[in-house]
Amino acid sequence: MPTALWIAHVEVTDPEAYGKYAALAGPAIAAHGGVFLARAGRYVQLEGNDRPRNVVARFPSLEAGVECYHSAAYQAAMAHAKGASTRDLMIVEESE
């Protein structure tokens, strides 16, 4: 089964609330086998909407990433991100 990448492009509007999200989201992602590959590092925006925080995590499968998103632990984290950020999030299956 191919692995999958969780890709988030984020503009943080409330750093304090978003910090609470990040503190809870990391353990929720790890609990579903997610491993961060990039987390708010340097980047160059070449096309599309610029969002200054970019995160990439690898999951064991697309299903594991979706399960993580819908988990109670991740949704508890999301309660802090709502209203504290503008986000685009997708999970993309990697090619074998």
PDB file of N, CA and C in Angstrom:
ATOM      1  N   MET A   1       0.845  -1.177   0.000  1.00  0.00           N
ATOM      2  CA  MET A   1       0.000   0.000   0.000  1.00  0.00           C
ATOM      3  C   MET A   1       0.891   1.241   0.000  1.00  0.00           C
ATOM      4  N   PRO A   2       0.647   2.194  -0.874  1.00  0.00           N
ATOM      5  CA  PRO A   2       1.490   3.385  -0.936  1.00  0.00           C
ATOM      6  C   PRO A   2       1.287   4.303   0.271  1.00  0.00           C
ATOM      7  N   THR A   3       2.346   5.003   0.636  1.00  0.00           N
ATOM      8  CA  THR A   3       2.250   6.011   1.680  1.00  0.00           C
ATOM      9  C   THR A   3       1.533   7.233   1.125  1.00  0.00           C
ATOM     10  N   ALA A   4       1.230   8.181   2.008  1.00  0.00           N
ATOM     11  CA  ALA A   4       0.518   9.388   1.584  1.00  0.00           C
ATOM     12  C   ALA A   4       1.109  10.601   2.287  1.00  0.00           C
ATOM     13  N   LEU A   5       1.013  11.736   1.631  1.00  0.00           N
ATOM     14  CA  LEU A   5       1.515  12.995   2.175  1.00  0.00           C
ATOM     15  C   LEU A   5       0.348  13.882   2.582  1.00  0.00           C
ATOM     16  N   TRP A   6       0.411  14.360   3.785  1.00  0.00           N
ATOM     17  CA  TRP A   6      -0.537  15.345   4.325  1.00  0.00           C
ATOM     18  C   TRP A   6       0.128  16.686   4.076  1.00  0.00           C
ATOM     19  N   ILE A   7      -0.482  17.546   3.306  1.00  0.00           N
ATOM     20  CA  ILE A   7       0.121  18.817   2.911  1.00  0.00           C
ATOM     21  C   ILE A   7      -0.801  19.945   3.350  1.00  0.00           C
ATOM     22  N   ALA A   8      -0.277  20.825   4.188  1.00  0.00           N
ATOM     23  CA  ALA A   8      -1.057  21.951   4.692  1.00  0.00           C
ATOM     24  C   ALA A   8      -0.353  23.258   4.345  1.00  0.00           C
ATOM     25  N   HIS A   9      -1.133  24.205   3.880  1.00  0.00           N
ATOM     26  CA  HIS A   9      -0.655  25.566   3.621  1.00  0.00           C
ATOM     27  C   HIS A   9      -1.484  26.461   4.533  1.00  0.00           C
ATOM     28  N   VAL A  10      -0.812  27.202   5.413  1.00  0.00           N
ATOM     29  CA  VAL A  10      -1.498  27.883   6.505  1.00  0.00           C
ATOM     30  C   VAL A  10      -1.054  29.331   6.635  1.00  0.00           C
ATOM     31  N   GLU A  11      -2.023  30.194   6.894  1.00  0.00           N
ATOM     32  CA  GLU A  11      -1.745  31.559   7.329  1.00  0.00           C
ATOM     33  C   GLU A  11      -2.300  31.673   8.742  1.00  0.00           C
ATOM     34  N   VAL A  12      -1.433  31.884   9.698  1.00  0.00           N
ATOM     35  CA  VAL A  12      -1.835  31.972  11.098  1.00  0.00           C
ATOM     36  C   VAL A  12      -2.289  33.402  11.394  1.00  0.00           C
ATOM     37  N   THR A  13      -3.491  33.534  11.947  1.00  0.00           N
ATOM     38  CA  THR A  13      -4.030  34.852  12.294  1.00  0.00           C
ATOM     39  C   THR A  13      -4.068  35.081  13.805  1.00  0.00           C
ATOM     40  N   ASP A  14      -3.969  34.016  14.588  1.00  0.00           N
ATOM     41  CA  ASP A  14      -3.941  34.109  16.051  1.00  0.00           C
ATOM     42  C   ASP A  14      -2.865  33.137  16.551  1.00  0.00           C
ATOM     43  N   PRO A  15      -1.628  33.625  16.696  1.00  0.00           N
ATOM     44  CA  PRO A  15      -0.521  32.733  17.061  1.00  0.00           C
ATOM     45  C   PRO A  15      -0.721  31.985  18.380  1.00  0.00           C
ATOM     46  N   GLU A  16      -1.330  32.599  19.374  1.00  0.00           N
ATOM     47  CA  GLU A  16      -1.520  31.934  20.663  1.00  0.00           C
ATOM     48  C   GLU A  16      -2.459  30.729  20.522  1.00  0.00           C
ATOM     49  N   ALA A  17      -3.596  30.930  19.883  1.00  0.00           N
ATOM     50  CA  ALA A  17      -4.552  29.831  19.684  1.00  0.00           C
ATOM     51  C   ALA A  17      -3.958  28.770  18.765  1.00  0.00           C
ATOM     52  N   TYR A  18      -3.239  29.189  17.733  1.00  0.00           N
ATOM     53  CA  TYR A  18      -2.665  28.218  16.808  1.00  0.00           C
ATOM     54  C   TYR A  18      -1.571  27.406  17.484  1.00  0.00           C
ATOM     55  N   GLY A  19      -0.875  28.005  18.430  1.00  0.00           N
ATOM     56  CA  GLY A  19       0.123  27.271  19.198  1.00  0.00           C
ATOM     57  C   GLY A  19      -0.511  26.128  19.989  1.00  0.00           C
ATOM     58  N   LYS A  20      -1.714  26.358  20.511  1.00  0.00           N
ATOM     59  CA  LYS A  20      -2.445  25.301  21.220  1.00  0.00           C
ATOM     60  C   LYS A  20      -2.816  24.181  20.241  1.00  0.00           C
ATOM     61  N   TYR A  21      -3.238  24.570  19.026  1.00  0.00           N
ATOM     62  CA  TYR A  21      -3.529  23.572  17.988  1.00  0.00           C
ATOM     63  C   TYR A  21      -2.284  22.722  17.723  1.00  0.00           C
ATOM     64  N   ALA A  22      -1.151  23.370  17.483  1.00  0.00           N
ATOM     65  CA  ALA A  22       0.072  22.654  17.119  1.00  0.00           C
ATOM     66  C   ALA A  22       0.511  21.703  18.230  1.00  0.00           C
ATOM     67  N   ALA A  23       0.356  22.122  19.484  1.00  0.00           N
ATOM     68  CA  ALA A  23       0.754  21.277  20.607  1.00  0.00           C
ATOM     69  C   ALA A  23      -0.071  19.994  20.664  1.00  0.00           C
ATOM     70  N   LEU A  24      -1.335  20.056  20.279  1.00  0.00           N
ATOM     71  CA  LEU A  24      -2.208  18.882  20.288  1.00  0.00           C
ATOM     72  C   LEU A  24      -2.152  18.102  18.977  1.00  0.00           C
ATOM     73  N   ALA A  25      -1.955  18.793  17.866  1.00  0.00           N
ATOM     74  CA  ALA A  25      -1.981  18.133  16.554  1.00  0.00           C
ATOM     75  C   ALA A  25      -0.795  17.202  16.354  1.00  0.00           C
ATOM     76  N   GLY A  26       0.381  17.604  16.808  1.00  0.00           N
ATOM     77  CA  GLY A  26       1.569  16.764  16.628  1.00  0.00           C
ATOM     78  C   GLY A  26       1.404  15.366  17.197  1.00  0.00           C
ATOM     79  N   PRO A  27       0.991  15.237  18.458  1.00  0.00           N
ATOM     80  CA  PRO A  27       0.776  13.897  19.014  1.00  0.00           C
ATOM     81  C   PRO A  27      -0.346  13.121  18.313  1.00  0.00           C
ATOM     82  N   ALA A  28      -1.401  13.810  17.883  1.00  0.00           N
ATOM     83  CA  ALA A  28      -2.491  13.134  17.164  1.00  0.00           C
ATOM     84  C   ALA A  28      -1.989  12.571  15.841  1.00  0.00           C
ATOM     85  N   ILE A  29      -1.170  13.340  15.144  1.00  0.00           N
ATOM     86  CA  ILE A  29      -0.604  12.900  13.867  1.00  0.00           C
ATOM     87  C   ILE A  29       0.331  11.714  14.096  1.00  0.00           C
ATOM     88  N   ALA A  30       1.189  11.814  15.104  1.00  0.00           N
ATOM     89  CA  ALA A  30       2.123  10.716  15.407  1.00  0.00           C
ATOM     90  C   ALA A  30       1.379   9.435  15.784  1.00  0.00           C
ATOM     91  N   ALA A  31       0.261   9.570  16.489  1.00  0.00           N
ATOM     92  CA  ALA A  31      -0.517   8.402  16.913  1.00  0.00           C
ATOM     93  C   ALA A  31      -1.089   7.630  15.728  1.00  0.00           C
ATOM     94  N   HIS A  32      -1.189   8.280  14.570  1.00  0.00           N
ATOM     95  CA  HIS A  32      -1.694   7.624  13.358  1.00  0.00           C
ATOM     96  C   HIS A  32      -0.572   7.288  12.385  1.00  0.00           C
ATOM     97  N   GLY A  33       0.656   7.296  12.876  1.00  0.00           N
ATOM     98  CA  GLY A  33       1.796   6.922  12.049  1.00  0.00           C
ATOM     99  C   GLY A  33       2.366   8.058  11.230  1.00  0.00           C
ATOM    100  N   GLY A  34       1.892   9.280  11.460  1.00  0.00           N
ATOM    101  CA  GLY A  34       2.383  10.433  10.704  1.00  0.00           C
ATOM    102  C   GLY A  34       3.749  10.878  11.180  1.00  0.00           C
ATOM    103  N   VAL A  35       4.609  11.234  10.226  1.00  0.00           N
ATOM    104  CA  VAL A  35       5.956  11.719  10.505  1.00  0.00           C
ATOM    105  C   VAL A  35       6.137  13.021   9.739  1.00  0.00           C
ATOM    106  N   PHE A  36       6.537  14.074  10.443  1.00  0.00           N
ATOM    107  CA  PHE A  36       6.721  15.364   9.778  1.00  0.00           C
ATOM    108  C   PHE A  36       7.973  15.344   8.905  1.00  0.00           C
ATOM    109  N   LEU A  37       7.818  15.808   7.671  1.00  0.00           N
ATOM    110  CA  LEU A  37       8.940  15.949   6.731  1.00  0.00           C
ATOM    111  C   LEU A  37       9.351  17.407   6.605  1.00  0.00           C
ATOM    112  N   ALA A  38       8.383  18.305   6.718  1.00  0.00           N
ATOM    113  CA  ALA A  38       8.639  19.749   6.644  1.00  0.00           C
ATOM    114  C   ALA A  38       7.614  20.426   7.540  1.00  0.00           C
ATOM    115  N   ARG A  39       8.092  21.401   8.291  1.00  0.00           N
ATOM    116  CA  ARG A  39       7.202  22.066   9.241  1.00  0.00           C
ATOM    117  C   ARG A  39       7.629  23.516   9.374  1.00  0.00           C
ATOM    118  N   ALA A  40       7.000  24.376   8.602  1.00  0.00           N
ATOM    119  CA  ALA A  40       7.199  25.825   8.696  1.00  0.00           C
ATOM    120  C   ALA A  40       8.616  26.272   8.380  1.00  0.00           C
ATOM    121  N   GLY A  41       9.300  25.546   7.526  1.00  0.00           N
ATOM    122  CA  GLY A  41      10.654  25.923   7.136  1.00  0.00           C
ATOM    123  C   GLY A  41      10.655  26.947   6.005  1.00  0.00           C
ATOM    124  N   ARG A  42      11.818  27.206   5.507  1.00  0.00           N
ATOM    125  CA  ARG A  42      11.961  28.133   4.377  1.00  0.00           C
ATOM    126  C   ARG A  42      11.251  27.569   3.161  1.00  0.00           C
ATOM    127  N   TYR A  43      10.749  28.442   2.314  1.00  0.00           N
ATOM    128  CA  TYR A  43      10.066  28.021   1.097  1.00  0.00           C
ATOM    129  C   TYR A  43      10.127  29.147   0.067  1.00  0.00           C
ATOM    130  N   VAL A  44       9.827  28.807  -1.168  1.00  0.00           N
ATOM    131  CA  VAL A  44       9.702  29.781  -2.252  1.00  0.00           C
ATOM    132  C   VAL A  44       8.356  29.541  -2.897  1.00  0.00           C
ATOM    133  N   GLN A  45       7.498  30.547  -2.898  1.00  0.00           N
ATOM    134  CA  GLN A  45       6.171  30.442  -3.509  1.00  0.00           C
ATOM    135  C   GLN A  45       6.322  30.718  -5.007  1.00  0.00           C
ATOM    136  N   LEU A  46       6.042  29.733  -5.831  1.00  0.00           N
ATOM    137  CA  LEU A  46       6.197  29.885  -7.276  1.00  0.00           C
ATOM    138  C   LEU A  46       4.880  30.147  -7.976  1.00  0.00           C
ATOM    139  N   GLU A  47       3.788  29.587  -7.472  1.00  0.00           N
ATOM    140  CA  GLU A  47       2.468  29.791  -8.068  1.00  0.00           C
ATOM    141  C   GLU A  47       1.421  29.698  -6.974  1.00  0.00           C
ATOM    142  N   GLY A  48       0.239  30.215  -7.266  1.00  0.00           N
ATOM    143  CA  GLY A  48      -0.893  30.045  -6.359  1.00  0.00           C
ATOM    144  C   GLY A  48      -0.855  30.964  -5.159  1.00  0.00           C
ATOM    145  N   ASN A  49      -1.696  30.626  -4.170  1.00  0.00           N
ATOM    146  CA  ASN A  49      -1.843  31.434  -2.968  1.00  0.00           C
ATOM    147  C   ASN A  49      -0.672  31.229  -2.017  1.00  0.00           C
ATOM    148  N   ASP A  50      -0.110  32.340  -1.577  1.00  0.00           N
ATOM    149  CA  ASP A  50       1.006  32.278  -0.637  1.00  0.00           C
ATOM    150  C   ASP A  50       0.464  32.154   0.780  1.00  0.00           C
ATOM    151  N   ARG A  51       0.866  31.109   1.459  1.00  0.00           N
ATOM    152  CA  ARG A  51       0.557  30.923   2.870  1.00  0.00           C
ATOM    153  C   ARG A  51       1.891  30.675   3.552  1.00  0.00           C
ATOM    154  N   PRO A  52       2.259  31.491   4.527  1.00  0.00           N
ATOM    155  CA  PRO A  52       3.622  31.444   5.061  1.00  0.00           C
ATOM    156  C   PRO A  52       3.983  30.232   5.912  1.00  0.00           C
ATOM    157  N   ARG A  53       3.024  29.408   6.294  1.00  0.00           N
ATOM    158  CA  ARG A  53       3.346  28.196   7.070  1.00  0.00           C
ATOM    159  C   ARG A  53       2.967  26.992   6.218  1.00  0.00           C
ATOM    160  N   ASN A  54       3.933  26.138   5.937  1.00  0.00           N
ATOM    161  CA  ASN A  54       3.712  24.970   5.093  1.00  0.00           C
ATOM    162  C   ASN A  54       4.188  23.737   5.846  1.00  0.00           C
ATOM    163  N   VAL A  55       3.341  22.716   5.871  1.00  0.00           N
ATOM    164  CA  VAL A  55       3.624  21.502   6.641  1.00  0.00           C
ATOM    165  C   VAL A  55       3.407  20.293   5.744  1.00  0.00           C
ATOM    166  N   VAL A  56       4.345  19.359   5.783  1.00  0.00           N
ATOM    167  CA  VAL A  56       4.208  18.092   5.060  1.00  0.00           C
ATOM    168  C   VAL A  56       4.493  16.967   6.051  1.00  0.00           C
ATOM    169  N   ALA A  57       3.565  16.012   6.124  1.00  0.00           N
ATOM    170  CA  ALA A  57       3.757  14.826   6.963  1.00  0.00           C
ATOM    171  C   ALA A  57       3.485  13.597   6.112  1.00  0.00           C
ATOM    172  N   ARG A  58       4.224  12.538   6.372  1.00  0.00           N
ATOM    173  CA  ARG A  58       3.999  11.280   5.652  1.00  0.00           C
ATOM    174  C   ARG A  58       3.232  10.328   6.564  1.00  0.00           C
ATOM    175  N   PHE A  59       2.190   9.706   6.000  1.00  0.00           N
ATOM    176  CA  PHE A  59       1.396   8.698   6.704  1.00  0.00           C
ATOM    177  C   PHE A  59       1.602   7.352   6.031  1.00  0.00           C
ATOM    178  N   PRO A  60       1.367   6.265   6.756  1.00  0.00           N
ATOM    179  CA  PRO A  60       1.542   4.934   6.177  1.00  0.00           C
ATOM    180  C   PRO A  60       0.607   4.677   4.991  1.00  0.00           C
ATOM    181  N   SER A  61      -0.521   5.389   4.943  1.00  0.00           N
ATOM    182  CA  SER A  61      -1.475   5.231   3.837  1.00  0.00           C
ATOM    183  C   SER A  61      -2.383   6.449   3.787  1.00  0.00           C
ATOM    184  N   LEU A  62      -3.073   6.616   2.689  1.00  0.00           N
ATOM    185  CA  LEU A  62      -4.063   7.676   2.549  1.00  0.00           C
ATOM    186  C   LEU A  62      -5.126   7.511   3.627  1.00  0.00           C
ATOM    187  N   GLU A  63      -5.536   6.272   3.853  1.00  0.00           N
ATOM    188  CA  GLU A  63      -6.578   5.997   4.838  1.00  0.00           C
ATOM    189  C   GLU A  63      -6.145   6.398   6.251  1.00  0.00           C
ATOM    190  N   ALA A  64      -4.875   6.168   6.581  1.00  0.00           N
ATOM    191  CA  ALA A  64      -4.370   6.553   7.903  1.00  0.00           C
ATOM    192  C   ALA A  64      -4.410   8.065   8.079  1.00  0.00           C
ATOM    193  N   GLY A  65      -4.090   8.803   7.038  1.00  0.00           N
ATOM    194  CA  GLY A  65      -4.150  10.263   7.106  1.00  0.00           C
ATOM    195  C   GLY A  65      -5.570  10.766   7.281  1.00  0.00           C
ATOM    196  N   VAL A  66      -6.501  10.174   6.549  1.00  0.00           N
ATOM    197  CA  VAL A  66      -7.913  10.567   6.666  1.00  0.00           C
ATOM    198  C   VAL A  66      -8.436  10.194   8.054  1.00  0.00           C
ATOM    199  N   GLU A  67      -8.067   9.015   8.527  1.00  0.00           N
ATOM    200  CA  GLU A  67      -8.488   8.581   9.869  1.00  0.00           C
ATOM    201  C   GLU A  67      -7.947   9.544  10.931  1.00  0.00           C
ATOM    202  N   CYS A  68      -6.719   9.983  10.772  1.00  0.00           N
ATOM    203  CA  CYS A  68      -6.139  10.950  11.696  1.00  0.00           C
ATOM    204  C   CYS A  68      -6.966  12.233  11.709  1.00  0.00           C
ATOM    205  N   TYR A  69      -7.271  12.749  10.542  1.00  0.00           N
ATOM    206  CA  TYR A  69      -8.027  14.001  10.450  1.00  0.00           C
ATOM    207  C   TYR A  69      -9.352  13.899  11.187  1.00  0.00           C
ATOM    208  N   HIS A  70     -10.022  12.795  11.053  1.00  0.00           N
ATOM    209  CA  HIS A  70     -11.343  12.630  11.659  1.00  0.00           C
ATOM    210  C   HIS A  70     -11.300  12.130  13.101  1.00  0.00           C
ATOM    211  N   SER A  71     -10.109  11.850  13.631  1.00  0.00           N
ATOM    212  CA  SER A  71      -9.992  11.324  14.985  1.00  0.00           C
ATOM    213  C   SER A  71     -10.400  12.377  16.016  1.00  0.00           C
ATOM    214  N   ALA A  72     -10.835  11.901  17.169  1.00  0.00           N
ATOM    215  CA  ALA A  72     -11.224  12.794  18.257  1.00  0.00           C
ATOM    216  C   ALA A  72     -10.052  13.674  18.692  1.00  0.00           C
ATOM    217  N   ALA A  73      -8.849  13.106  18.739  1.00  0.00           N
ATOM    218  CA  ALA A  73      -7.678  13.870  19.183  1.00  0.00           C
ATOM    219  C   ALA A  73      -7.355  15.007  18.219  1.00  0.00           C
ATOM    220  N   TYR A  74      -7.408  14.718  16.908  1.00  0.00           N
ATOM    221  CA  TYR A  74      -7.095  15.781  15.941  1.00  0.00           C
ATOM    222  C   TYR A  74      -8.201  16.830  15.910  1.00  0.00           C
ATOM    223  N   GLN A  75      -9.434  16.406  16.008  1.00  0.00           N
ATOM    224  CA  GLN A  75     -10.539  17.363  16.008  1.00  0.00           C
ATOM    225  C   GLN A  75     -10.499  18.262  17.244  1.00  0.00           C
ATOM    226  N   ALA A  76     -10.014  17.729  18.375  1.00  0.00           N
ATOM    227  CA  ALA A  76      -9.824  18.568  19.561  1.00  0.00           C
ATOM    228  C   ALA A  76      -8.771  19.638  19.281  1.00  0.00           C
ATOM    229  N   ALA A  77      -7.716  19.262  18.568  1.00  0.00           N
ATOM    230  CA  ALA A  77      -6.697  20.235  18.174  1.00  0.00           C
ATOM    231  C   ALA A  77      -7.293  21.268  17.224  1.00  0.00           C
ATOM    232  N   MET A  78      -8.076  20.804  16.273  1.00  0.00           N
ATOM    233  CA  MET A  78      -8.685  21.692  15.274  1.00  0.00           C
ATOM    234  C   MET A  78      -9.566  22.764  15.902  1.00  0.00           C
ATOM    235  N   ALA A  79     -10.133  22.493  17.064  1.00  0.00           N
ATOM    236  CA  ALA A  79     -10.963  23.485  17.742  1.00  0.00           C
ATOM    237  C   ALA A  79     -10.163  24.765  18.000  1.00  0.00           C
ATOM    238  N   HIS A  80      -8.846  24.647  18.166  1.00  0.00           N
ATOM    239  CA  HIS A  80      -7.994  25.816  18.389  1.00  0.00           C
ATOM    240  C   HIS A  80      -7.572  26.482  17.079  1.00  0.00           C
ATOM    241  N   ALA A  81      -7.533  25.726  15.983  1.00  0.00           N
ATOM    242  CA  ALA A  81      -7.106  26.284  14.701  1.00  0.00           C
ATOM    243  C   ALA A  81      -8.216  27.079  14.022  1.00  0.00           C
ATOM    244  N   LYS A  82      -9.459  26.669  14.250  1.00  0.00           N
ATOM    245  CA  LYS A  82     -10.588  27.369  13.633  1.00  0.00           C
ATOM    246  C   LYS A  82     -10.655  28.784  14.188  1.00  0.00           C
ATOM    247  N   GLY A  83     -10.696  29.748  13.297  1.00  0.00           N
ATOM    248  CA  GLY A  83     -10.696  31.140  13.703  1.00  0.00           C
ATOM    249  C   GLY A  83      -9.304  31.678  13.988  1.00  0.00           C
ATOM    250  N   ALA A  84      -8.298  30.807  14.024  1.00  0.00           N
ATOM    251  CA  ALA A  84      -6.927  31.230  14.294  1.00  0.00           C
ATOM    252  C   ALA A  84      -6.040  31.103  13.061  1.00  0.00           C
ATOM    253  N   SER A  85      -6.648  30.637  11.947  1.00  0.00           N
ATOM    254  CA  SER A  85      -5.851  30.416  10.736  1.00  0.00           C
ATOM    255  C   SER A  85      -6.754  30.287   9.521  1.00  0.00           C
ATOM    256  N   THR A  86      -6.130  30.498   8.372  1.00  0.00           N
ATOM    257  CA  THR A  86      -6.728  30.165   7.085  1.00  0.00           C
ATOM    258  C   THR A  86      -5.870  29.044   6.541  1.00  0.00           C
ATOM    259  N   ARG A  87      -6.519  27.917   6.179  1.00  0.00           N
ATOM    260  CA  ARG A  87      -5.746  26.726   5.833  1.00  0.00           C
ATOM    261  C   ARG A  87      -6.279  26.048   4.584  1.00  0.00           C
ATOM    262  N   ASP A  88      -5.369  25.441   3.878  1.00  0.00           N
ATOM    263  CA  ASP A  88      -5.695  24.462   2.834  1.00  0.00           C
ATOM    264  C   ASP A  88      -5.000  23.186   3.290  1.00  0.00           C
ATOM    265  N   LEU A  89      -5.726  22.066   3.254  1.00  0.00           N
ATOM    266  CA  LEU A  89      -5.154  20.798   3.680  1.00  0.00           C
ATOM    267  C   LEU A  89      -5.582  19.722   2.709  1.00  0.00           C
ATOM    268  N   MET A  90      -4.629  18.896   2.306  1.00  0.00           N
ATOM    269  CA  MET A  90      -4.939  17.772   1.426  1.00  0.00           C
ATOM    270  C   MET A  90      -4.080  16.594   1.816  1.00  0.00           C
ATOM    271  N   ILE A  91      -4.536  15.419   1.453  1.00  0.00           N
ATOM    272  CA  ILE A  91      -3.742  14.200   1.611  1.00  0.00           C
ATOM    273  C   ILE A  91      -3.599  13.595   0.231  1.00  0.00           C
ATOM    274  N   VAL A  92      -2.362  13.364  -0.179  1.00  0.00           N
ATOM    275  CA  VAL A  92      -2.062  12.890  -1.518  1.00  0.00           C
ATOM    276  C   VAL A  92      -1.318  11.564  -1.430  1.00  0.00           C
ATOM    277  N   GLU A  93      -1.823  10.573  -2.095  1.00  0.00           N
ATOM    278  CA  GLU A  93      -1.157   9.270  -2.116  1.00  0.00           C
ATOM    279  C   GLU A  93       0.116   9.378  -2.957  1.00  0.00           C
ATOM    280  N   GLU A  94       1.204   8.820  -2.434  1.00  0.00           N
ATOM    281  CA  GLU A  94       2.473   8.852  -3.163  1.00  0.00           C
ATOM    282  C   GLU A  94       2.480   7.775  -4.247  1.00  0.00           C
ATOM    283  N   SER A  95       3.196   8.045  -5.295  1.00  0.00           N
ATOM    284  CA  SER A  95       3.357   7.064  -6.368  1.00  0.00           C
ATOM    285  C   SER A  95       4.223   5.934  -5.864  1.00  0.00           C
ATOM    286  N   GLU A  96       3.935   4.748  -6.336  1.00  0.00           N
ATOM    287  CA  GLU A  96       4.728   3.577  -5.921  1.00  0.00           C
ATOM    288  C   GLU A  96       5.995   3.477  -6.736  1.00  0.00           C
TER     289      GLU A  96
END
